[in-house]
Amino acid sequence: MQLTGQAILLRIFVGEADCINHNPVYELIVKAARDNNIAGATVLRGIMSYGASTVIHTAKWIEISQDLPIVIEMVDAEEKINKFLPVIDGIFEKSKRGGLITTEKVNVIFYQPNK
């Protein structure tokens, strides 16, 4: 797959505890991205967050949160990202949990699979 120049960074914020039938939402999103031929996806686990509920989630020695923030990032062509957005919406609907989705324009300088 060739990916250079203008692209879109898709960023999805979910909670670590968000699940559908005991499957983490972030795993379902990454697998759906692969099934939809998105160039790649990375899942990042945060150490502290709060969102619309204003509840603070944190990873500290004494109080280990079971619902830390998860950020999923993907970069691909705008058409592919836009086509994938309804898939994410469907996953959010099934999970009955909230989340946040953002996009921004990026310039891909290098993207190459292992040789």
C-alpha atoms as a PDB file:
ATOM      1  CA  MET A   1       0.000   0.000   0.000  1.00  0.00           C
ATOM      2  CA  GLN A   2       1.292   3.441  -0.918  1.00  0.00           C
ATOM      3  CA  LEU A   3       0.485   6.299   1.444  1.00  0.00           C
ATOM      4  CA  THR A   4       2.233   9.636   1.031  1.00  0.00           C
ATOM      5  CA  GLY A   5       1.258  13.286   1.065  1.00  0.00           C
ATOM      6  CA  GLN A   6      -2.043  14.614   2.379  1.00  0.00           C
ATOM      7  CA  ALA A   7      -3.907  12.196   4.695  1.00  0.00           C
ATOM      8  CA  ILE A   8      -6.177  12.208   7.741  1.00  0.00           C
ATOM      9  CA  LEU A   9      -5.282  11.326  11.322  1.00  0.00           C
ATOM     10  CA  LEU A  10      -8.263   9.713  13.026  1.00  0.00           C
ATOM     11  CA  ARG A  11      -8.124   9.733  16.818  1.00  0.00           C
ATOM     12  CA  ILE A  12     -10.668   7.809  18.899  1.00  0.00           C
ATOM     13  CA  PHE A  13     -10.925   8.159  22.680  1.00  0.00           C
ATOM     14  CA  VAL A  14     -12.601   5.359  24.652  1.00  0.00           C
ATOM     15  CA  GLY A  15     -12.446   3.865  28.132  1.00  0.00           C
ATOM     16  CA  GLU A  16     -10.461   0.731  28.859  1.00  0.00           C
ATOM     17  CA  ALA A  17     -13.556  -0.854  30.440  1.00  0.00           C
ATOM     18  CA  ASP A  18     -15.790  -0.214  27.398  1.00  0.00           C
ATOM     19  CA  CYS A  19     -16.790  -3.639  26.064  1.00  0.00           C
ATOM     20  CA  ILE A  20     -19.239  -5.471  23.820  1.00  0.00           C
ATOM     21  CA  ASN A  21     -19.834  -9.066  24.954  1.00  0.00           C
ATOM     22  CA  HIS A  22     -16.612  -8.983  27.024  1.00  0.00           C
ATOM     23  CA  ASN A  23     -14.570  -7.762  24.013  1.00  0.00           C
ATOM     24  CA  PRO A  24     -12.829  -4.417  24.541  1.00  0.00           C
ATOM     25  CA  VAL A  25     -14.127  -1.691  22.237  1.00  0.00           C
ATOM     26  CA  TYR A  26     -10.589  -0.668  21.310  1.00  0.00           C
ATOM     27  CA  GLU A  27      -9.848  -4.227  20.085  1.00  0.00           C
ATOM     28  CA  LEU A  28     -13.063  -4.292  18.058  1.00  0.00           C
ATOM     29  CA  ILE A  29     -12.170  -0.952  16.453  1.00  0.00           C
ATOM     30  CA  VAL A  30      -8.638  -2.064  15.525  1.00  0.00           C
ATOM     31  CA  LYS A  31      -9.895  -5.349  14.064  1.00  0.00           C
ATOM     32  CA  ALA A  32     -12.579  -3.472  12.111  1.00  0.00           C
ATOM     33  CA  ALA A  33      -9.917  -1.064  10.824  1.00  0.00           C
ATOM     34  CA  ARG A  34      -7.849  -3.988   9.555  1.00  0.00           C
ATOM     35  CA  ASP A  35     -10.940  -5.546   7.956  1.00  0.00           C
ATOM     36  CA  ASN A  36     -11.620  -2.206   6.228  1.00  0.00           C
ATOM     37  CA  ASN A  37      -8.044  -1.959   4.913  1.00  0.00           C
ATOM     38  CA  ILE A  38      -7.092   1.086   6.976  1.00  0.00           C
ATOM     39  CA  ALA A  39      -3.314   1.595   6.635  1.00  0.00           C
ATOM     40  CA  GLY A  40      -2.637   0.931  10.334  1.00  0.00           C
ATOM     41  CA  ALA A  41      -3.806   1.550  13.872  1.00  0.00           C
ATOM     42  CA  THR A  42      -2.093   2.162  17.202  1.00  0.00           C
ATOM     43  CA  VAL A  43      -3.665   1.855  20.649  1.00  0.00           C
ATOM     44  CA  LEU A  44      -2.262   4.034  23.429  1.00  0.00           C
ATOM     45  CA  ARG A  45      -3.111   3.642  27.111  1.00  0.00           C
ATOM     46  CA  GLY A  46      -3.258   6.825  29.141  1.00  0.00           C
ATOM     47  CA  ILE A  47      -2.407   7.326  32.779  1.00  0.00           C
ATOM     48  CA  MET A  48      -5.040   9.937  33.598  1.00  0.00           C
ATOM     49  CA  SER A  49      -8.157  11.418  32.021  1.00  0.00           C
ATOM     50  CA  TYR A  50     -11.645  12.769  32.394  1.00  0.00           C
ATOM     51  CA  GLY A  51     -14.350  13.368  29.835  1.00  0.00           C
ATOM     52  CA  ALA A  52     -17.965  14.412  29.582  1.00  0.00           C
ATOM     53  CA  SER A  53     -18.821  12.736  32.908  1.00  0.00           C
ATOM     54  CA  THR A  54     -16.033  14.750  34.646  1.00  0.00           C
ATOM     55  CA  VAL A  55     -15.016  11.602  36.576  1.00  0.00           C
ATOM     56  CA  ILE A  56     -11.229  11.435  36.843  1.00  0.00           C
ATOM     57  CA  HIS A  57      -9.656   8.101  35.896  1.00  0.00           C
ATOM     58  CA  THR A  58      -6.063   7.618  37.014  1.00  0.00           C
ATOM     59  CA  ALA A  59      -3.355   5.002  37.499  1.00  0.00           C
ATOM     60  CA  LYS A  60      -1.774   5.548  40.907  1.00  0.00           C
ATOM     61  CA  TRP A  61      -0.100   3.197  43.342  1.00  0.00           C
ATOM     62  CA  ILE A  62      -2.974   3.203  45.803  1.00  0.00           C
ATOM     63  CA  GLU A  63      -5.984   3.430  43.503  1.00  0.00           C
ATOM     64  CA  ILE A  64      -5.529   1.454  40.301  1.00  0.00           C
ATOM     65  CA  SER A  65      -8.329   2.444  37.942  1.00  0.00           C
ATOM     66  CA  GLN A  66      -9.929  -0.297  35.903  1.00  0.00           C
ATOM     67  CA  ASP A  67     -11.063   2.237  33.316  1.00  0.00           C
ATOM     68  CA  LEU A  68      -7.997   4.090  32.087  1.00  0.00           C
ATOM     69  CA  PRO A  69      -8.171   6.185  28.919  1.00  0.00           C
ATOM     70  CA  ILE A  70      -7.471   4.503  25.591  1.00  0.00           C
ATOM     71  CA  VAL A  71      -6.607   6.432  22.432  1.00  0.00           C
ATOM     72  CA  ILE A  72      -6.692   4.713  19.038  1.00  0.00           C
ATOM     73  CA  GLU A  73      -4.890   6.497  16.213  1.00  0.00           C
ATOM     74  CA  MET A  74      -5.084   5.746  12.495  1.00  0.00           C
ATOM     75  CA  VAL A  75      -3.752   7.548   9.444  1.00  0.00           C
ATOM     76  CA  ASP A  76      -5.081   6.966   5.936  1.00  0.00           C
ATOM     77  CA  ALA A  77      -6.558   8.688   2.913  1.00  0.00           C
ATOM     78  CA  GLU A  78      -9.532  10.938   3.662  1.00  0.00           C
ATOM     79  CA  GLU A  79     -11.955   8.798   1.615  1.00  0.00           C
ATOM     80  CA  LYS A  80     -11.033   5.637   3.542  1.00  0.00           C
ATOM     81  CA  ILE A  81     -11.286   7.354   6.922  1.00  0.00           C
ATOM     82  CA  ASN A  82     -14.675   8.871   6.037  1.00  0.00           C
ATOM     83  CA  LYS A  83     -15.935   5.458   4.885  1.00  0.00           C
ATOM     84  CA  PHE A  84     -14.768   3.923   8.190  1.00  0.00           C
ATOM     85  CA  LEU A  85     -16.505   6.451  10.484  1.00  0.00           C
ATOM     86  CA  PRO A  86     -19.956   4.738  10.314  1.00  0.00           C
ATOM     87  CA  VAL A  87     -18.289   1.465  11.361  1.00  0.00           C
ATOM     88  CA  ILE A  88     -16.956   3.153  14.499  1.00  0.00           C
ATOM     89  CA  ASP A  89     -20.363   4.708  15.135  1.00  0.00           C
ATOM     90  CA  GLY A  90     -21.915   1.235  14.975  1.00  0.00           C
ATOM     91  CA  ILE A  91     -19.425  -0.076  17.534  1.00  0.00           C
ATOM     92  CA  PHE A  92     -20.194   2.871  19.845  1.00  0.00           C
ATOM     93  CA  GLU A  93     -23.938   2.207  19.473  1.00  0.00           C
ATOM     94  CA  LYS A  94     -23.515  -1.466  20.413  1.00  0.00           C
ATOM     95  CA  SER A  95     -21.326  -0.648  23.410  1.00  0.00           C
ATOM     96  CA  LYS A  96     -23.831   1.911  24.749  1.00  0.00           C
ATOM     97  CA  ARG A  97     -20.816   3.909  25.963  1.00  0.00           C
ATOM     98  CA  GLY A  98     -19.554   7.338  25.081  1.00  0.00           C
ATOM     99  CA  GLY A  99     -16.399   8.312  23.300  1.00  0.00           C
ATOM    100  CA  LEU A 100     -14.777  11.034  21.278  1.00  0.00           C
ATOM    101  CA  ILE A 101     -13.664  10.982  17.649  1.00  0.00           C
ATOM    102  CA  THR A 102     -11.447  13.646  16.109  1.00  0.00           C
ATOM    103  CA  THR A 103      -9.735  14.076  12.762  1.00  0.00           C
ATOM    104  CA  GLU A 104      -7.015  16.341  11.524  1.00  0.00           C
ATOM    105  CA  LYS A 105      -5.120  16.771   8.285  1.00  0.00           C
ATOM    106  CA  VAL A 106      -1.584  15.407   8.279  1.00  0.00           C
ATOM    107  CA  ASN A 107       1.213  15.108   5.772  1.00  0.00           C
ATOM    108  CA  VAL A 108       2.575  11.560   5.457  1.00  0.00           C
ATOM    109  CA  ILE A 109       6.310  11.716   4.858  1.00  0.00           C
ATOM    110  CA  PHE A 110       7.144   8.012   5.063  1.00  0.00           C
ATOM    111  CA  TYR A 111       5.029   4.852   5.176  1.00  0.00           C
ATOM    112  CA  GLN A 112       6.461   1.513   4.160  1.00  0.00           C
ATOM    113  CA  PRO A 113       5.812  -2.047   5.317  1.00  0.00           C
ATOM    114  CA  ASN A 114       8.706  -4.237   6.451  1.00  0.00           C
ATOM    115  CA  LYS A 115      10.647  -5.789   3.605  1.00  0.00           C
END
